[in-house]
Structure formats: structure tokens, C-alpha cells
Amino acid sequence: MSSTVVDPQVIDAINQAQAAAMGGQVVLTSGAGKAYQSVAQSAAIAVQDATDALRNISTITTTAAGVIIAQMLVNPASPSASVLPKLQQVMADATADYIAIGAAAAGIVNEFPSG
């Protein structure tokens, strides 16, 4: 069996590359960056979900308002008219929730250490 001698400069280059790529500070910074990206992505998903919820509530309230207005055209004294302010409040509450979720998501991302 023959043995192969590796040039000490090659071994030194490998050791230096390993130290540079796996040094404590590099690993910490890389891990913190990955954690930050994960938190930012989760916050973005929360905002997307809130956007979908707001869109769905808007669709429902707009449809309900359309039905009520149609009933009012047939009968101006329709008791359904009393529901319109409630629908407006539902939209106002949903919008406030959306704003709160967006602000909370931004706050979490801005406060999270990025590395």
C-alpha cells in the first residue's frame, strides 16, 4: 500500500477555508439571518391572511348590502334597512383588525434581531 503525501499548503488552505466558513461568528450570523427571514416570512403570511379575511368580509357585507338595497327598492319601509349600519360596523371592525395585524407584524419584524 502506498501513501500519498499532501502538500502542507493544501492542508493549510483547507483549514483556513473551514475556519472561515464554520467560525463561531459566521455560524451565529448565518443562524440569526435565517431566523430573521423565517420571522419576516411568517409576518408576511399573517398579513396575507388578514388581507384575504378583509376581502372576504368585504364581499359578504357588500353582497348583504346589495340584497338589502334591493329589498328597499321594492319596499322603502323594509325592516332590513336597519342592518346597513351593522354591516358598515362589521367593515370598520374588519379594517381596524387588518390595520392592527399589519402593525403587529411590522413591529415584530422590526424588533427581531436581523443578525
N, C-alpha and C. Protein backbone atom coordinates (compact mmCIF):
# COMPACT_ATOMS: atom_id res chain seq x y z
N MET A 1 0.83 -1.16 0.00
CA MET A 1 0.00 0.00 0.00
C MET A 1 0.88 1.24 0.00
N SER A 2 0.57 2.16 -0.90
CA SER A 2 1.39 3.37 -0.94
C SER A 2 0.66 4.50 -0.24
N SER A 3 1.42 5.36 0.31
CA SER A 3 0.81 6.51 0.98
C SER A 3 1.03 7.74 0.11
N THR A 4 0.07 8.63 0.15
CA THR A 4 0.15 9.86 -0.62
C THR A 4 0.42 11.00 0.35
N VAL A 5 1.36 11.80 -0.01
CA VAL A 5 1.70 12.95 0.83
C VAL A 5 0.95 14.16 0.27
N VAL A 6 0.25 14.86 1.17
CA VAL A 6 -0.50 16.05 0.78
C VAL A 6 0.34 17.25 1.15
N ASP A 7 0.44 18.14 0.21
CA ASP A 7 1.22 19.36 0.42
C ASP A 7 0.67 20.11 1.64
N PRO A 8 1.50 20.51 2.55
CA PRO A 8 1.06 21.24 3.74
C PRO A 8 0.30 22.53 3.40
N GLN A 9 0.60 23.15 2.26
CA GLN A 9 -0.12 24.36 1.87
C GLN A 9 -1.59 24.04 1.54
N VAL A 10 -1.82 22.87 0.95
CA VAL A 10 -3.19 22.45 0.64
C VAL A 10 -3.95 22.22 1.95
N ILE A 11 -3.31 21.55 2.89
CA ILE A 11 -3.94 21.30 4.19
C ILE A 11 -4.24 22.63 4.88
N ASP A 12 -3.30 23.55 4.83
CA ASP A 12 -3.49 24.86 5.44
C ASP A 12 -4.65 25.61 4.78
N ALA A 13 -4.73 25.54 3.44
CA ALA A 13 -5.81 26.22 2.72
C ALA A 13 -7.17 25.64 3.11
N ILE A 14 -7.24 24.32 3.23
CA ILE A 14 -8.49 23.66 3.63
C ILE A 14 -8.87 24.09 5.05
N ASN A 15 -7.91 24.10 5.95
CA ASN A 15 -8.17 24.50 7.33
C ASN A 15 -8.64 25.95 7.41
N GLN A 16 -8.02 26.83 6.63
CA GLN A 16 -8.41 28.24 6.64
C GLN A 16 -9.83 28.42 6.06
N ALA A 17 -10.12 27.69 5.00
CA ALA A 17 -11.46 27.77 4.41
C ALA A 17 -12.51 27.27 5.39
N GLN A 18 -12.20 26.18 6.07
CA GLN A 18 -13.14 25.63 7.05
C GLN A 18 -13.34 26.61 8.21
N ALA A 19 -12.27 27.20 8.68
CA ALA A 19 -12.37 28.17 9.78
C ALA A 19 -13.19 29.39 9.35
N ALA A 20 -13.00 29.82 8.11
CA ALA A 20 -13.74 30.99 7.62
C ALA A 20 -15.23 30.68 7.47
N ALA A 21 -15.55 29.47 7.01
CA ALA A 21 -16.95 29.11 6.76
C ALA A 21 -17.67 28.63 8.01
N MET A 22 -16.96 28.07 8.93
CA MET A 22 -17.59 27.48 10.11
C MET A 22 -17.19 28.17 11.41
N GLY A 23 -16.59 29.34 11.31
CA GLY A 23 -16.21 30.07 12.51
C GLY A 23 -17.43 30.43 13.33
N GLY A 24 -17.24 30.59 14.63
CA GLY A 24 -18.36 30.86 15.53
C GLY A 24 -19.20 32.04 15.11
N GLN A 25 -18.58 33.16 14.77
CA GLN A 25 -19.34 34.35 14.41
C GLN A 25 -20.10 34.15 13.10
N VAL A 26 -19.50 33.44 12.15
CA VAL A 26 -20.17 33.17 10.88
C VAL A 26 -21.42 32.34 11.11
N VAL A 27 -21.30 31.30 11.93
CA VAL A 27 -22.44 30.43 12.21
C VAL A 27 -23.54 31.20 12.94
N LEU A 28 -23.16 32.03 13.91
CA LEU A 28 -24.15 32.82 14.64
C LEU A 28 -24.87 33.81 13.71
N THR A 29 -24.12 34.50 12.90
CA THR A 29 -24.70 35.48 11.99
C THR A 29 -25.62 34.80 10.98
N SER A 30 -25.17 33.69 10.45
CA SER A 30 -25.99 32.95 9.48
C SER A 30 -27.27 32.45 10.13
N GLY A 31 -27.17 31.92 11.33
CA GLY A 31 -28.35 31.42 12.03
C GLY A 31 -29.33 32.55 12.34
N ALA A 32 -28.80 33.69 12.77
CA ALA A 32 -29.66 34.83 13.08
C ALA A 32 -30.35 35.33 11.82
N GLY A 33 -29.62 35.35 10.71
CA GLY A 33 -30.21 35.78 9.44
C GLY A 33 -31.33 34.86 9.00
N LYS A 34 -31.13 33.55 9.17
CA LYS A 34 -32.18 32.59 8.81
C LYS A 34 -33.40 32.74 9.72
N ALA A 35 -33.16 32.97 11.01
CA ALA A 35 -34.27 33.17 11.93
C ALA A 35 -35.05 34.42 11.56
N TYR A 36 -34.34 35.50 11.23
CA TYR A 36 -34.99 36.74 10.83
C TYR A 36 -35.85 36.53 9.59
N GLN A 37 -35.31 35.82 8.60
CA GLN A 37 -36.06 35.55 7.37
C GLN A 37 -37.32 34.75 7.67
N SER A 38 -37.21 33.79 8.58
CA SER A 38 -38.37 32.97 8.94
C SER A 38 -39.44 33.82 9.63
N VAL A 39 -39.03 34.69 10.54
CA VAL A 39 -39.99 35.57 11.23
C VAL A 39 -40.63 36.53 10.22
N ALA A 40 -39.83 37.09 9.33
CA ALA A 40 -40.36 38.02 8.33
C ALA A 40 -41.36 37.32 7.41
N GLN A 41 -41.04 36.09 7.03
CA GLN A 41 -41.96 35.34 6.16
C GLN A 41 -43.26 35.03 6.91
N SER A 42 -43.16 34.66 8.17
CA SER A 42 -44.37 34.39 8.96
C SER A 42 -45.23 35.64 9.09
N ALA A 43 -44.58 36.78 9.30
CA ALA A 43 -45.32 38.05 9.39
C ALA A 43 -46.00 38.36 8.07
N ALA A 44 -45.32 38.13 6.97
CA ALA A 44 -45.92 38.38 5.66
C ALA A 44 -47.12 37.47 5.42
N ILE A 45 -47.03 36.23 5.84
CA ILE A 45 -48.16 35.31 5.69
C ILE A 45 -49.34 35.77 6.54
N ALA A 46 -49.06 36.26 7.75
CA ALA A 46 -50.14 36.78 8.61
C ALA A 46 -50.84 37.96 7.94
N VAL A 47 -50.08 38.84 7.32
CA VAL A 47 -50.67 39.98 6.63
C VAL A 47 -51.46 39.51 5.41
N GLN A 48 -50.94 38.53 4.69
CA GLN A 48 -51.69 37.99 3.54
C GLN A 48 -53.00 37.37 4.00
N ASP A 49 -52.96 36.63 5.10
CA ASP A 49 -54.19 36.02 5.62
C ASP A 49 -55.18 37.10 6.04
N ALA A 50 -54.68 38.16 6.68
CA ALA A 50 -55.55 39.26 7.09
C ALA A 50 -56.15 39.95 5.86
N THR A 51 -55.37 40.07 4.81
CA THR A 51 -55.87 40.67 3.57
C THR A 51 -56.99 39.82 2.99
N ASP A 52 -56.78 38.51 2.97
CA ASP A 52 -57.82 37.61 2.47
C ASP A 52 -59.08 37.71 3.32
N ALA A 53 -58.92 37.76 4.63
CA ALA A 53 -60.08 37.87 5.52
C ALA A 53 -60.84 39.17 5.26
N LEU A 54 -60.10 40.27 5.13
CA LEU A 54 -60.75 41.56 4.86
C LEU A 54 -61.49 41.53 3.53
N ARG A 55 -60.86 40.94 2.53
CA ARG A 55 -61.52 40.83 1.21
C ARG A 55 -62.80 40.00 1.33
N ASN A 56 -62.74 38.90 2.06
CA ASN A 56 -63.93 38.05 2.21
C ASN A 56 -65.05 38.76 2.97
N ILE A 57 -64.68 39.46 4.03
CA ILE A 57 -65.69 40.21 4.79
C ILE A 57 -66.29 41.31 3.92
N SER A 58 -65.46 41.96 3.13
CA SER A 58 -65.95 42.99 2.22
C SER A 58 -66.94 42.42 1.22
N THR A 59 -66.62 41.26 0.69
CA THR A 59 -67.52 40.61 -0.27
C THR A 59 -68.86 40.28 0.38
N ILE A 60 -68.80 39.74 1.58
CA ILE A 60 -70.03 39.35 2.27
C ILE A 60 -70.88 40.58 2.61
N THR A 61 -70.23 41.62 3.16
CA THR A 61 -71.01 42.80 3.55
C THR A 61 -71.56 43.54 2.33
N THR A 62 -70.78 43.59 1.27
CA THR A 62 -71.25 44.25 0.05
C THR A 62 -72.44 43.50 -0.56
N THR A 63 -72.35 42.18 -0.55
CA THR A 63 -73.46 41.37 -1.07
C THR A 63 -74.71 41.56 -0.21
N ALA A 64 -74.52 41.51 1.11
CA ALA A 64 -75.67 41.70 2.00
C ALA A 64 -76.28 43.09 1.82
N ALA A 65 -75.43 44.10 1.68
CA ALA A 65 -75.95 45.46 1.47
C ALA A 65 -76.72 45.54 0.15
N GLY A 66 -76.23 44.87 -0.87
CA GLY A 66 -76.94 44.86 -2.16
C GLY A 66 -78.31 44.23 -2.05
N VAL A 67 -78.39 43.14 -1.30
CA VAL A 67 -79.68 42.48 -1.10
C VAL A 67 -80.63 43.41 -0.34
N ILE A 68 -80.13 44.05 0.70
CA ILE A 68 -80.96 44.96 1.50
C ILE A 68 -81.45 46.14 0.65
N ILE A 69 -80.56 46.70 -0.14
CA ILE A 69 -80.95 47.83 -1.00
C ILE A 69 -81.99 47.40 -2.02
N ALA A 70 -81.84 46.19 -2.56
CA ALA A 70 -82.85 45.68 -3.49
C ALA A 70 -84.20 45.55 -2.80
N GLN A 71 -84.19 45.07 -1.55
CA GLN A 71 -85.44 44.96 -0.80
C GLN A 71 -86.03 46.34 -0.52
N MET A 72 -85.18 47.32 -0.28
CA MET A 72 -85.65 48.68 -0.01
C MET A 72 -86.25 49.31 -1.26
N LEU A 73 -85.76 48.93 -2.43
CA LEU A 73 -86.33 49.46 -3.67
C LEU A 73 -87.76 48.94 -3.87
N VAL A 74 -87.98 47.71 -3.43
CA VAL A 74 -89.32 47.14 -3.53
C VAL A 74 -90.22 47.71 -2.44
N ASN A 75 -89.67 47.82 -1.24
CA ASN A 75 -90.43 48.32 -0.09
C ASN A 75 -89.54 49.28 0.69
N PRO A 76 -89.68 50.59 0.46
CA PRO A 76 -88.83 51.57 1.14
C PRO A 76 -88.88 51.48 2.66
N ALA A 77 -89.94 50.93 3.20
CA ALA A 77 -90.05 50.80 4.66
C ALA A 77 -89.54 49.44 5.14
N SER A 78 -88.75 48.77 4.34
CA SER A 78 -88.26 47.43 4.68
C SER A 78 -87.50 47.45 6.01
N PRO A 79 -87.82 46.51 6.88
CA PRO A 79 -87.11 46.45 8.17
C PRO A 79 -85.64 46.05 8.01
N SER A 80 -85.29 45.53 6.87
CA SER A 80 -83.90 45.13 6.62
C SER A 80 -82.95 46.33 6.61
N ALA A 81 -83.49 47.52 6.38
CA ALA A 81 -82.66 48.72 6.31
C ALA A 81 -81.86 48.93 7.58
N SER A 82 -82.38 48.46 8.69
CA SER A 82 -81.68 48.64 9.97
C SER A 82 -80.37 47.85 10.03
N VAL A 83 -80.19 46.93 9.11
CA VAL A 83 -78.97 46.11 9.10
C VAL A 83 -77.80 46.85 8.45
N LEU A 84 -78.08 47.83 7.59
CA LEU A 84 -77.00 48.54 6.88
C LEU A 84 -75.96 49.15 7.82
N PRO A 85 -76.34 49.84 8.89
CA PRO A 85 -75.31 50.37 9.79
C PRO A 85 -74.48 49.27 10.45
N LYS A 86 -75.11 48.13 10.69
CA LYS A 86 -74.37 47.00 11.29
C LYS A 86 -73.34 46.47 10.30
N LEU A 87 -73.70 46.42 9.04
CA LEU A 87 -72.75 45.98 8.02
C LEU A 87 -71.57 46.95 7.91
N GLN A 88 -71.89 48.24 8.01
CA GLN A 88 -70.80 49.23 7.99
C GLN A 88 -69.88 49.05 9.19
N GLN A 89 -70.45 48.71 10.34
CA GLN A 89 -69.63 48.49 11.53
C GLN A 89 -68.77 47.24 11.38
N VAL A 90 -69.33 46.21 10.77
CA VAL A 90 -68.55 44.99 10.52
C VAL A 90 -67.33 45.33 9.66
N MET A 91 -67.53 46.13 8.62
CA MET A 91 -66.41 46.53 7.75
C MET A 91 -65.41 47.39 8.51
N ALA A 92 -65.89 48.29 9.32
CA ALA A 92 -64.99 49.15 10.10
C ALA A 92 -64.17 48.31 11.07
N ASP A 93 -64.81 47.35 11.73
CA ASP A 93 -64.09 46.48 12.66
C ASP A 93 -63.06 45.61 11.93
N ALA A 94 -63.44 45.08 10.77
CA ALA A 94 -62.52 44.25 9.99
C ALA A 94 -61.33 45.07 9.51
N THR A 95 -61.58 46.31 9.11
CA THR A 95 -60.49 47.19 8.69
C THR A 95 -59.56 47.50 9.85
N ALA A 96 -60.13 47.75 11.02
CA ALA A 96 -59.31 48.01 12.22
C ALA A 96 -58.46 46.77 12.57
N ASP A 97 -59.06 45.59 12.45
CA ASP A 97 -58.29 44.36 12.70
C ASP A 97 -57.14 44.22 11.71
N TYR A 98 -57.43 44.52 10.45
CA TYR A 98 -56.40 44.43 9.41
C TYR A 98 -55.23 45.38 9.72
N ILE A 99 -55.56 46.60 10.10
CA ILE A 99 -54.52 47.58 10.44
C ILE A 99 -53.72 47.11 11.65
N ALA A 100 -54.40 46.56 12.65
CA ALA A 100 -53.71 46.08 13.85
C ALA A 100 -52.79 44.91 13.53
N ILE A 101 -53.25 44.00 12.69
CA ILE A 101 -52.41 42.85 12.32
C ILE A 101 -51.19 43.32 11.54
N GLY A 102 -51.39 44.23 10.61
CA GLY A 102 -50.27 44.77 9.84
C GLY A 102 -49.26 45.46 10.73
N ALA A 103 -49.74 46.27 11.67
CA ALA A 103 -48.83 46.98 12.59
C ALA A 103 -48.10 46.00 13.50
N ALA A 104 -48.81 44.99 13.99
CA ALA A 104 -48.17 43.99 14.85
C ALA A 104 -47.11 43.22 14.08
N ALA A 105 -47.42 42.84 12.85
CA ALA A 105 -46.45 42.09 12.04
C ALA A 105 -45.21 42.94 11.77
N ALA A 106 -45.42 44.20 11.43
CA ALA A 106 -44.28 45.09 11.19
C ALA A 106 -43.47 45.29 12.45
N GLY A 107 -44.14 45.43 13.58
CA GLY A 107 -43.43 45.60 14.85
C GLY A 107 -42.58 44.40 15.20
N ILE A 108 -43.13 43.22 14.99
CA ILE A 108 -42.38 42.00 15.30
C ILE A 108 -41.14 41.90 14.41
N VAL A 109 -41.30 42.15 13.13
CA VAL A 109 -40.17 42.07 12.21
C VAL A 109 -39.12 43.13 12.54
N ASN A 110 -39.57 44.36 12.82
CA ASN A 110 -38.63 45.44 13.11
C ASN A 110 -37.89 45.24 14.43
N GLU A 111 -38.51 44.56 15.39
CA GLU A 111 -37.87 44.35 16.68
C GLU A 111 -37.00 43.10 16.71
N PHE A 112 -37.18 42.22 15.75
CA PHE A 112 -36.43 40.95 15.74
C PHE A 112 -35.01 41.23 15.27
N PRO A 113 -34.03 40.72 15.98
CA PRO A 113 -32.64 40.96 15.53
C PRO A 113 -32.36 40.29 14.18
N SER A 114 -31.76 41.04 13.29
CA SER A 114 -31.54 40.51 11.93
C SER A 114 -30.17 39.86 11.77
N GLY A 115 -29.39 39.83 12.80
CA GLY A 115 -28.10 39.15 12.69
C GLY A 115 -27.00 40.02 13.01
